Amino acid sequence: MRLFRLFQLLDELRIRRVPVPARMLAQDMGVSLRTLYRDIADLQAMGAPIRGEGGVGYVMDAGYFMPSLRFDEEELSALALGVRLVAARTDPLMSEAARRAAAKIASAVGEETRRVFLDSPFEAGPSDAANPPHLKALRDAIRRRKVLEIDYASLSGKPSTRRALPLGLTVFDTVWLLTVWCETARDFRHLRVDRIGALRDTGERFRHERGKRFADCLAREGNDTFLRPPWNLAGQTSAQSR
């Protein structure tokens, strides 16, 4: 049981992008502070690059990988549903990538676990958000940090052209939103992908700056799902298209 708890603690630290206080970690793990400190010390002794700073919390250095001990049934259900949602609500290229990922997960686990994963009772139905225009081009622009000029029509039909840094994409039941740092407004903006008329690559590239990243926008709006347990997806509906 303790070994399983240590793997869980590694998973908790692996998904955090900012330091997390010891008290919060202990609460998430359901253990005392004393037990958490002992577990952290043992993981550090085994070579896990966990850094701690008084008054700030613990963080694990990027690039460290240790496979989880196993998937439980809830984790398998979450993975299966996530893969099926991606397959149903993206463009054909990413949909096929989701299917390949599912095959890799299935091939990397035991026979019993594979059956639970492949026979999951969770499914994703069709959606109006599936395969919107520009989705592949926007993913490429986000990865390559391309500065874009975007022709856009607001919900009222008012046209505009924005010089923007594409940061992230969010899918809702019926629409995809592109989050950008708008250089004109000097602030974050959410653009409905289905209302984007044209994209132009300026040939310029941008660097991520603190305060202008996708994670900064999510944190400001309270949507930083993987940073603030307990995870609560309800806040994601607060994103407004502009």
C-alpha atoms as a PDB file:
ATOM      1  CA  MET A   1       0.000   0.000   0.000  1.00  0.00           C
ATOM      2  CA  ARG A   2       2.811   2.416   0.807  1.00  0.00           C
ATOM      3  CA  LEU A   3       4.511   1.711  -2.504  1.00  0.00           C
ATOM      4  CA  PHE A   4       1.252   2.495  -4.306  1.00  0.00           C
ATOM      5  CA  ARG A   5       0.979   5.729  -2.302  1.00  0.00           C
ATOM      6  CA  LEU A   6       4.484   6.753  -3.366  1.00  0.00           C
ATOM      7  CA  PHE A   7       3.558   6.264  -7.004  1.00  0.00           C
ATOM      8  CA  GLN A   8       0.414   8.331  -6.437  1.00  0.00           C
ATOM      9  CA  LEU A   9       2.517  11.092  -4.907  1.00  0.00           C
ATOM     10  CA  LEU A  10       4.800  11.063  -7.957  1.00  0.00           C
ATOM     11  CA  ASP A  11       1.735  11.363 -10.180  1.00  0.00           C
ATOM     12  CA  GLU A  12       0.469  14.306  -8.119  1.00  0.00           C
ATOM     13  CA  LEU A  13       3.785  16.121  -8.484  1.00  0.00           C
ATOM     14  CA  ARG A  14       4.201  15.224 -12.155  1.00  0.00           C
ATOM     15  CA  ILE A  15       0.993  17.027 -13.210  1.00  0.00           C
ATOM     16  CA  ARG A  16       1.794  20.237 -11.295  1.00  0.00           C
ATOM     17  CA  ARG A  17       3.496  23.075 -13.139  1.00  0.00           C
ATOM     18  CA  VAL A  18       3.930  25.211 -10.036  1.00  0.00           C
ATOM     19  CA  PRO A  19       5.055  24.337  -6.489  1.00  0.00           C
ATOM     20  CA  VAL A  20       2.336  22.873  -4.280  1.00  0.00           C
ATOM     21  CA  PRO A  21       2.293  23.372  -0.488  1.00  0.00           C
ATOM     22  CA  ALA A  22       2.959  20.332   1.690  1.00  0.00           C
ATOM     23  CA  ARG A  23      -0.348  20.758   3.523  1.00  0.00           C
ATOM     24  CA  MET A  24      -2.283  20.641   0.246  1.00  0.00           C
ATOM     25  CA  LEU A  25      -0.384  17.542  -0.896  1.00  0.00           C
ATOM     26  CA  ALA A  26      -1.056  15.827   2.416  1.00  0.00           C
ATOM     27  CA  GLN A  27      -4.746  16.617   2.140  1.00  0.00           C
ATOM     28  CA  ASP A  28      -4.929  15.290  -1.428  1.00  0.00           C
ATOM     29  CA  MET A  29      -3.118  12.099  -0.426  1.00  0.00           C
ATOM     30  CA  GLY A  30      -5.178  11.604   2.738  1.00  0.00           C
ATOM     31  CA  VAL A  31      -2.124  11.438   5.004  1.00  0.00           C
ATOM     32  CA  SER A  32      -0.650  13.484   7.815  1.00  0.00           C
ATOM     33  CA  LEU A  33       2.004  16.133   7.220  1.00  0.00           C
ATOM     34  CA  ARG A  34       4.518  13.937   9.015  1.00  0.00           C
ATOM     35  CA  THR A  35       3.788  11.029   6.670  1.00  0.00           C
ATOM     36  CA  LEU A  36       4.015  13.299   3.624  1.00  0.00           C
ATOM     37  CA  TYR A  37       7.415  14.643   4.686  1.00  0.00           C
ATOM     38  CA  ARG A  38       8.660  11.068   5.166  1.00  0.00           C
ATOM     39  CA  ASP A  39       7.335  10.011   1.738  1.00  0.00           C
ATOM     40  CA  ILE A  40       8.959  13.016   0.047  1.00  0.00           C
ATOM     41  CA  ALA A  41      12.274  12.256   1.758  1.00  0.00           C
ATOM     42  CA  ASP A  42      12.131   8.610   0.660  1.00  0.00           C
ATOM     43  CA  LEU A  43      11.383   9.566  -2.954  1.00  0.00           C
ATOM     44  CA  GLN A  44      14.260  12.043  -2.936  1.00  0.00           C
ATOM     45  CA  ALA A  45      16.554   9.334  -1.547  1.00  0.00           C
ATOM     46  CA  MET A  46      15.520   7.071  -4.448  1.00  0.00           C
ATOM     47  CA  GLY A  47      16.542   9.754  -6.950  1.00  0.00           C
ATOM     48  CA  ALA A  48      13.289  11.578  -7.679  1.00  0.00           C
ATOM     49  CA  PRO A  49      14.263  15.233  -8.408  1.00  0.00           C
ATOM     50  CA  ILE A  50      11.774  16.802  -5.995  1.00  0.00           C
ATOM     51  CA  ARG A  51      12.658  20.285  -4.796  1.00  0.00           C
ATOM     52  CA  GLY A  52      11.109  21.941  -1.785  1.00  0.00           C
ATOM     53  CA  GLU A  53      11.160  25.569  -0.735  1.00  0.00           C
ATOM     54  CA  GLY A  54       9.920  26.826   2.608  1.00  0.00           C
ATOM     55  CA  GLY A  55       6.631  28.694   2.341  1.00  0.00           C
ATOM     56  CA  VAL A  56       6.272  27.819  -1.358  1.00  0.00           C
ATOM     57  CA  GLY A  57       5.964  24.050  -1.624  1.00  0.00           C
ATOM     58  CA  TYR A  58       7.261  21.088  -3.596  1.00  0.00           C
ATOM     59  CA  VAL A  59       7.865  20.752  -7.314  1.00  0.00           C
ATOM     60  CA  MET A  60       9.418  18.006  -9.448  1.00  0.00           C
ATOM     61  CA  ASP A  61      11.972  18.913 -12.091  1.00  0.00           C
ATOM     62  CA  ALA A  62      10.819  18.567 -15.689  1.00  0.00           C
ATOM     63  CA  GLY A  63      11.873  15.530 -17.678  1.00  0.00           C
ATOM     64  CA  TYR A  64      11.701  13.002 -14.860  1.00  0.00           C
ATOM     65  CA  PHE A  65       9.677   9.909 -15.711  1.00  0.00           C
ATOM     66  CA  MET A  66       8.743   6.892 -13.654  1.00  0.00           C
ATOM     67  CA  PRO A  67       5.891   4.722 -14.877  1.00  0.00           C
ATOM     68  CA  SER A  68       2.866   4.409 -12.627  1.00  0.00           C
ATOM     69  CA  LEU A  69       2.437   1.108 -10.817  1.00  0.00           C
ATOM     70  CA  ARG A  70      -0.937   0.440 -12.418  1.00  0.00           C
ATOM     71  CA  PHE A  71      -4.155   2.066 -13.622  1.00  0.00           C
ATOM     72  CA  ASP A  72      -7.219   1.669 -11.436  1.00  0.00           C
ATOM     73  CA  GLU A  73     -10.692   1.330 -12.981  1.00  0.00           C
ATOM     74  CA  GLU A  74     -11.550   5.027 -12.630  1.00  0.00           C
ATOM     75  CA  GLU A  75      -8.288   6.030 -14.309  1.00  0.00           C
ATOM     76  CA  LEU A  76      -8.961   3.611 -17.164  1.00  0.00           C
ATOM     77  CA  SER A  77     -12.479   5.029 -17.567  1.00  0.00           C
ATOM     78  CA  ALA A  78     -11.083   8.570 -17.654  1.00  0.00           C
ATOM     79  CA  LEU A  79      -8.511   7.603 -20.294  1.00  0.00           C
ATOM     80  CA  ALA A  80     -11.068   5.774 -22.430  1.00  0.00           C
ATOM     81  CA  LEU A  81     -13.542   8.663 -22.304  1.00  0.00           C
ATOM     82  CA  GLY A  82     -10.820  11.215 -23.015  1.00  0.00           C
ATOM     83  CA  VAL A  83      -9.590   9.331 -26.072  1.00  0.00           C
ATOM     84  CA  ARG A  84     -13.145   8.952 -27.389  1.00  0.00           C
ATOM     85  CA  LEU A  85     -13.917  12.628 -26.823  1.00  0.00           C
ATOM     86  CA  VAL A  86     -10.819  13.613 -28.807  1.00  0.00           C
ATOM     87  CA  ALA A  87     -11.725  11.185 -31.586  1.00  0.00           C
ATOM     88  CA  ALA A  88     -15.260  12.601 -31.782  1.00  0.00           C
ATOM     89  CA  ARG A  89     -14.583  16.348 -31.439  1.00  0.00           C
ATOM     90  CA  THR A  90     -11.468  17.146 -33.419  1.00  0.00           C
ATOM     91  CA  ASP A  91     -10.240  17.049 -37.007  1.00  0.00           C
ATOM     92  CA  PRO A  92      -9.410  13.741 -38.730  1.00  0.00           C
ATOM     93  CA  LEU A  93      -5.674  14.046 -38.050  1.00  0.00           C
ATOM     94  CA  MET A  94      -6.036  14.368 -34.278  1.00  0.00           C
ATOM     95  CA  SER A  95      -8.864  11.834 -34.248  1.00  0.00           C
ATOM     96  CA  GLU A  96      -6.552   9.262 -35.792  1.00  0.00           C
ATOM     97  CA  ALA A  97      -3.820  10.233 -33.303  1.00  0.00           C
ATOM     98  CA  ALA A  98      -6.278   9.527 -30.459  1.00  0.00           C
ATOM     99  CA  ARG A  99      -6.946   6.055 -31.861  1.00  0.00           C
ATOM    100  CA  ARG A 100      -3.211   5.348 -32.117  1.00  0.00           C
ATOM    101  CA  ALA A 101      -2.752   6.512 -28.524  1.00  0.00           C
ATOM    102  CA  ALA A 102      -5.545   4.168 -27.423  1.00  0.00           C
ATOM    103  CA  ALA A 103      -3.796   1.292 -29.164  1.00  0.00           C
ATOM    104  CA  LYS A 104      -0.507   2.109 -27.401  1.00  0.00           C
ATOM    105  CA  ILE A 105      -2.212   2.241 -24.003  1.00  0.00           C
ATOM    106  CA  ALA A 106      -3.908  -1.083 -24.682  1.00  0.00           C
ATOM    107  CA  SER A 107      -0.631  -2.710 -25.716  1.00  0.00           C
ATOM    108  CA  ALA A 108       1.246  -1.430 -22.638  1.00  0.00           C
ATOM    109  CA  VAL A 109      -1.022  -2.909 -19.954  1.00  0.00           C
ATOM    110  CA  GLY A 110      -1.956  -6.417 -18.880  1.00  0.00           C
ATOM    111  CA  GLU A 111      -4.691  -8.470 -20.513  1.00  0.00           C
ATOM    112  CA  GLU A 112      -7.288  -7.847 -17.812  1.00  0.00           C
ATOM    113  CA  THR A 113      -6.568  -4.112 -17.740  1.00  0.00           C
ATOM    114  CA  ARG A 114      -6.696  -4.001 -21.544  1.00  0.00           C
ATOM    115  CA  ARG A 115     -10.183  -5.503 -21.545  1.00  0.00           C
ATOM    116  CA  VAL A 116     -11.388  -2.947 -18.988  1.00  0.00           C
ATOM    117  CA  PHE A 117      -9.942  -0.126 -21.100  1.00  0.00           C
ATOM    118  CA  LEU A 118     -11.228  -1.310 -24.490  1.00  0.00           C
ATOM    119  CA  ASP A 119     -14.661  -2.328 -23.161  1.00  0.00           C
ATOM    120  CA  SER A 120     -15.217   0.909 -21.230  1.00  0.00           C
ATOM    121  CA  PRO A 121     -18.944   1.750 -20.859  1.00  0.00           C
ATOM    122  CA  PHE A 122     -18.221   5.436 -21.557  1.00  0.00           C
ATOM    123  CA  GLU A 123     -18.690   6.859 -25.055  1.00  0.00           C
ATOM    124  CA  ALA A 124     -18.560  10.292 -26.697  1.00  0.00           C
ATOM    125  CA  GLY A 125     -21.454  11.217 -28.946  1.00  0.00           C
ATOM    126  CA  PRO A 126     -21.413  13.457 -32.023  1.00  0.00           C
ATOM    127  CA  SER A 127     -20.942  17.165 -31.513  1.00  0.00           C
ATOM    128  CA  ASP A 128     -21.245  20.396 -33.460  1.00  0.00           C
ATOM    129  CA  ALA A 129     -17.697  21.129 -32.264  1.00  0.00           C
ATOM    130  CA  ALA A 130     -16.255  18.359 -34.425  1.00  0.00           C
ATOM    131  CA  ASN A 131     -13.753  19.290 -37.141  1.00  0.00           C
ATOM    132  CA  PRO A 132     -14.082  23.106 -37.197  1.00  0.00           C
ATOM    133  CA  PRO A 133     -12.150  25.079 -39.833  1.00  0.00           C
ATOM    134  CA  HIS A 134      -8.533  26.043 -39.121  1.00  0.00           C
ATOM    135  CA  LEU A 135      -8.134  23.572 -36.222  1.00  0.00           C
ATOM    136  CA  LYS A 136      -5.064  21.824 -37.653  1.00  0.00           C
ATOM    137  CA  ALA A 137      -3.465  25.143 -38.668  1.00  0.00           C
ATOM    138  CA  LEU A 138      -4.100  26.583 -35.210  1.00  0.00           C
ATOM    139  CA  ARG A 139      -2.553  23.578 -33.476  1.00  0.00           C
ATOM    140  CA  ASP A 140       0.515  23.993 -35.663  1.00  0.00           C
ATOM    141  CA  ALA A 141       0.687  27.728 -34.916  1.00  0.00           C
ATOM    142  CA  ILE A 142       0.472  27.067 -31.168  1.00  0.00           C
ATOM    143  CA  ARG A 143       3.231  24.451 -31.280  1.00  0.00           C
ATOM    144  CA  ARG A 144       5.529  26.558 -33.457  1.00  0.00           C
ATOM    145  CA  ARG A 145       4.665  29.834 -31.657  1.00  0.00           C
ATOM    146  CA  LYS A 146       3.702  31.651 -34.827  1.00  0.00           C
ATOM    147  CA  VAL A 147       2.542  35.250 -34.643  1.00  0.00           C
ATOM    148  CA  LEU A 148      -0.727  35.375 -36.594  1.00  0.00           C
ATOM    149  CA  GLU A 149      -2.986  37.931 -38.190  1.00  0.00           C
ATOM    150  CA  ILE A 150      -6.555  36.760 -37.675  1.00  0.00           C
ATOM    151  CA  ASP A 151      -9.653  38.006 -39.481  1.00  0.00           C
ATOM    152  CA  TYR A 152     -12.507  37.619 -37.039  1.00  0.00           C
ATOM    153  CA  ALA A 153     -16.221  38.364 -36.794  1.00  0.00           C
ATOM    154  CA  SER A 154     -17.669  38.954 -33.325  1.00  0.00           C
ATOM    155  CA  LEU A 155     -20.990  37.488 -32.209  1.00  0.00           C
ATOM    156  CA  SER A 156     -22.636  40.739 -33.325  1.00  0.00           C
ATOM    157  CA  GLY A 157     -21.041  40.384 -36.765  1.00  0.00           C
ATOM    158  CA  LYS A 158     -18.478  43.178 -36.351  1.00  0.00           C
ATOM    159  CA  PRO A 159     -15.325  42.333 -38.350  1.00  0.00           C
ATOM    160  CA  SER A 160     -11.810  42.917 -37.055  1.00  0.00           C
ATOM    161  CA  THR A 161      -8.229  41.922 -37.790  1.00  0.00           C
ATOM    162  CA  ARG A 162      -6.087  40.987 -34.832  1.00  0.00           C
ATOM    163  CA  ARG A 163      -2.361  40.488 -34.490  1.00  0.00           C
ATOM    164  CA  ALA A 164      -2.212  37.712 -31.946  1.00  0.00           C
ATOM    165  CA  LEU A 165      -0.081  35.094 -30.237  1.00  0.00           C
ATOM    166  CA  PRO A 166      -2.010  31.774 -30.298  1.00  0.00           C
ATOM    167  CA  LEU A 167      -1.760  30.094 -26.899  1.00  0.00           C
ATOM    168  CA  GLY A 168      -4.308  27.314 -26.509  1.00  0.00           C
ATOM    169  CA  LEU A 169      -7.534  25.667 -27.621  1.00  0.00           C
ATOM    170  CA  THR A 170     -10.550  24.729 -25.498  1.00  0.00           C
ATOM    171  CA  VAL A 171     -13.426  22.523 -26.640  1.00  0.00           C
ATOM    172  CA  PHE A 172     -16.977  22.961 -25.365  1.00  0.00           C
ATOM    173  CA  ASP A 173     -20.118  21.040 -26.280  1.00  0.00           C
ATOM    174  CA  THR A 174     -20.761  23.011 -29.459  1.00  0.00           C
ATOM    175  CA  VAL A 175     -17.717  25.172 -30.131  1.00  0.00           C
ATOM    176  CA  TRP A 176     -13.924  25.450 -29.931  1.00  0.00           C
ATOM    177  CA  LEU A 177     -12.328  28.576 -28.457  1.00  0.00           C
ATOM    178  CA  LEU A 178      -8.866  29.851 -29.365  1.00  0.00           C
ATOM    179  CA  THR A 179      -7.117  31.701 -26.545  1.00  0.00           C
ATOM    180  CA  VAL A 180      -4.684  34.339 -27.764  1.00  0.00           C
ATOM    181  CA  TRP A 181      -2.590  37.146 -26.391  1.00  0.00           C
ATOM    182  CA  CYS A 182      -3.921  40.067 -28.425  1.00  0.00           C
ATOM    183  CA  GLU A 183      -1.139  42.556 -29.090  1.00  0.00           C
ATOM    184  CA  THR A 184      -3.646  45.318 -29.831  1.00  0.00           C
ATOM    185  CA  ALA A 185      -5.599  44.916 -26.584  1.00  0.00           C
ATOM    186  CA  ARG A 186      -2.505  43.858 -24.608  1.00  0.00           C
ATOM    187  CA  ASP A 187      -4.590  41.206 -22.949  1.00  0.00           C
ATOM    188  CA  PHE A 188      -5.961  37.702 -23.375  1.00  0.00           C
ATOM    189  CA  ARG A 189      -8.873  37.129 -25.731  1.00  0.00           C
ATOM    190  CA  HIS A 190     -11.013  34.079 -26.515  1.00  0.00           C
ATOM    191  CA  LEU A 191     -12.011  33.703 -30.172  1.00  0.00           C
ATOM    192  CA  ARG A 192     -14.595  31.250 -31.446  1.00  0.00           C
ATOM    193  CA  VAL A 193     -12.818  29.139 -34.041  1.00  0.00           C
ATOM    194  CA  ASP A 194     -15.945  28.900 -36.200  1.00  0.00           C
ATOM    195  CA  ARG A 195     -15.973  32.726 -36.501  1.00  0.00           C
ATOM    196  CA  ILE A 196     -12.388  33.024 -37.722  1.00  0.00           C
ATOM    197  CA  GLY A 197     -12.417  34.032 -41.369  1.00  0.00           C
ATOM    198  CA  ALA A 198      -8.753  33.811 -42.336  1.00  0.00           C
ATOM    199  CA  LEU A 199      -5.339  33.201 -40.789  1.00  0.00           C
ATOM    200  CA  ARG A 200      -2.084  34.716 -41.982  1.00  0.00           C
ATOM    201  CA  ASP A 201       1.334  33.675 -40.744  1.00  0.00           C
ATOM    202  CA  THR A 202       3.395  36.852 -40.237  1.00  0.00           C
ATOM    203  CA  GLY A 203       6.633  34.849 -40.396  1.00  0.00           C
ATOM    204  CA  GLU A 204       7.466  35.985 -36.857  1.00  0.00           C
ATOM    205  CA  ARG A 205       7.841  33.724 -33.841  1.00  0.00           C
ATOM    206  CA  PHE A 206       7.173  34.558 -30.198  1.00  0.00           C
ATOM    207  CA  ARG A 207       8.580  33.390 -26.888  1.00  0.00           C
ATOM    208  CA  HIS A 208       6.417  32.539 -23.910  1.00  0.00           C
ATOM    209  CA  GLU A 209       6.545  35.263 -21.264  1.00  0.00           C
ATOM    210  CA  ARG A 210       5.318  35.058 -17.694  1.00  0.00           C
ATOM    211  CA  GLY A 211       1.872  36.636 -17.506  1.00  0.00           C
ATOM    212  CA  LYS A 212       1.160  35.986 -21.187  1.00  0.00           C
ATOM    213  CA  ARG A 213       0.966  32.179 -21.244  1.00  0.00           C
ATOM    214  CA  PHE A 214      -2.057  29.924 -21.627  1.00  0.00           C
ATOM    215  CA  ALA A 215      -1.547  28.715 -18.049  1.00  0.00           C
ATOM    216  CA  ASP A 216      -1.589  32.334 -16.837  1.00  0.00           C
ATOM    217  CA  CYS A 217      -4.919  32.941 -18.560  1.00  0.00           C
ATOM    218  CA  LEU A 218      -6.441  29.775 -17.076  1.00  0.00           C
ATOM    219  CA  ALA A 219      -5.178  30.648 -13.606  1.00  0.00           C
ATOM    220  CA  ARG A 220      -6.564  34.194 -13.818  1.00  0.00           C
ATOM    221  CA  GLU A 221      -9.982  32.870 -14.795  1.00  0.00           C
ATOM    222  CA  GLY A 222      -9.965  30.062 -12.249  1.00  0.00           C
ATOM    223  CA  ASN A 223      -9.833  27.333 -14.908  1.00  0.00           C
ATOM    224  CA  ASP A 224      -6.425  25.861 -14.023  1.00  0.00           C
ATOM    225  CA  THR A 225      -7.881  22.371 -13.672  1.00  0.00           C
ATOM    226  CA  PHE A 226      -4.619  20.500 -13.145  1.00  0.00           C
ATOM    227  CA  LEU A 227      -3.179  22.996 -10.671  1.00  0.00           C
ATOM    228  CA  ARG A 228      -5.888  23.345  -8.046  1.00  0.00           C
ATOM    229  CA  PRO A 229      -7.347  20.166  -6.597  1.00  0.00           C
ATOM    230  CA  PRO A 230     -10.038  19.147  -6.093  1.00  0.00           C
ATOM    231  CA  TRP A 231     -10.491  19.295  -9.864  1.00  0.00           C
ATOM    232  CA  ASN A 232     -13.635  21.151 -10.859  1.00  0.00           C
ATOM    233  CA  LEU A 233     -14.597  21.498 -14.485  1.00  0.00           C
ATOM    234  CA  ALA A 234     -17.584  23.758 -13.837  1.00  0.00           C
ATOM    235  CA  GLY A 235     -15.477  26.914 -13.972  1.00  0.00           C
ATOM    236  CA  GLN A 236     -14.510  26.284 -17.590  1.00  0.00           C
ATOM    237  CA  THR A 237     -17.807  27.686 -18.785  1.00  0.00           C
ATOM    238  CA  SER A 238     -16.641  31.134 -17.669  1.00  0.00           C
ATOM    239  CA  ALA A 239     -14.557  31.627 -20.813  1.00  0.00           C
ATOM    240  CA  GLN A 240     -16.159  34.292 -22.956  1.00  0.00           C
ATOM    241  CA  SER A 241     -15.780  34.647 -26.699  1.00  0.00           C
ATOM    242  CA  ARG A 242     -14.816  38.113 -27.775  1.00  0.00           C
END
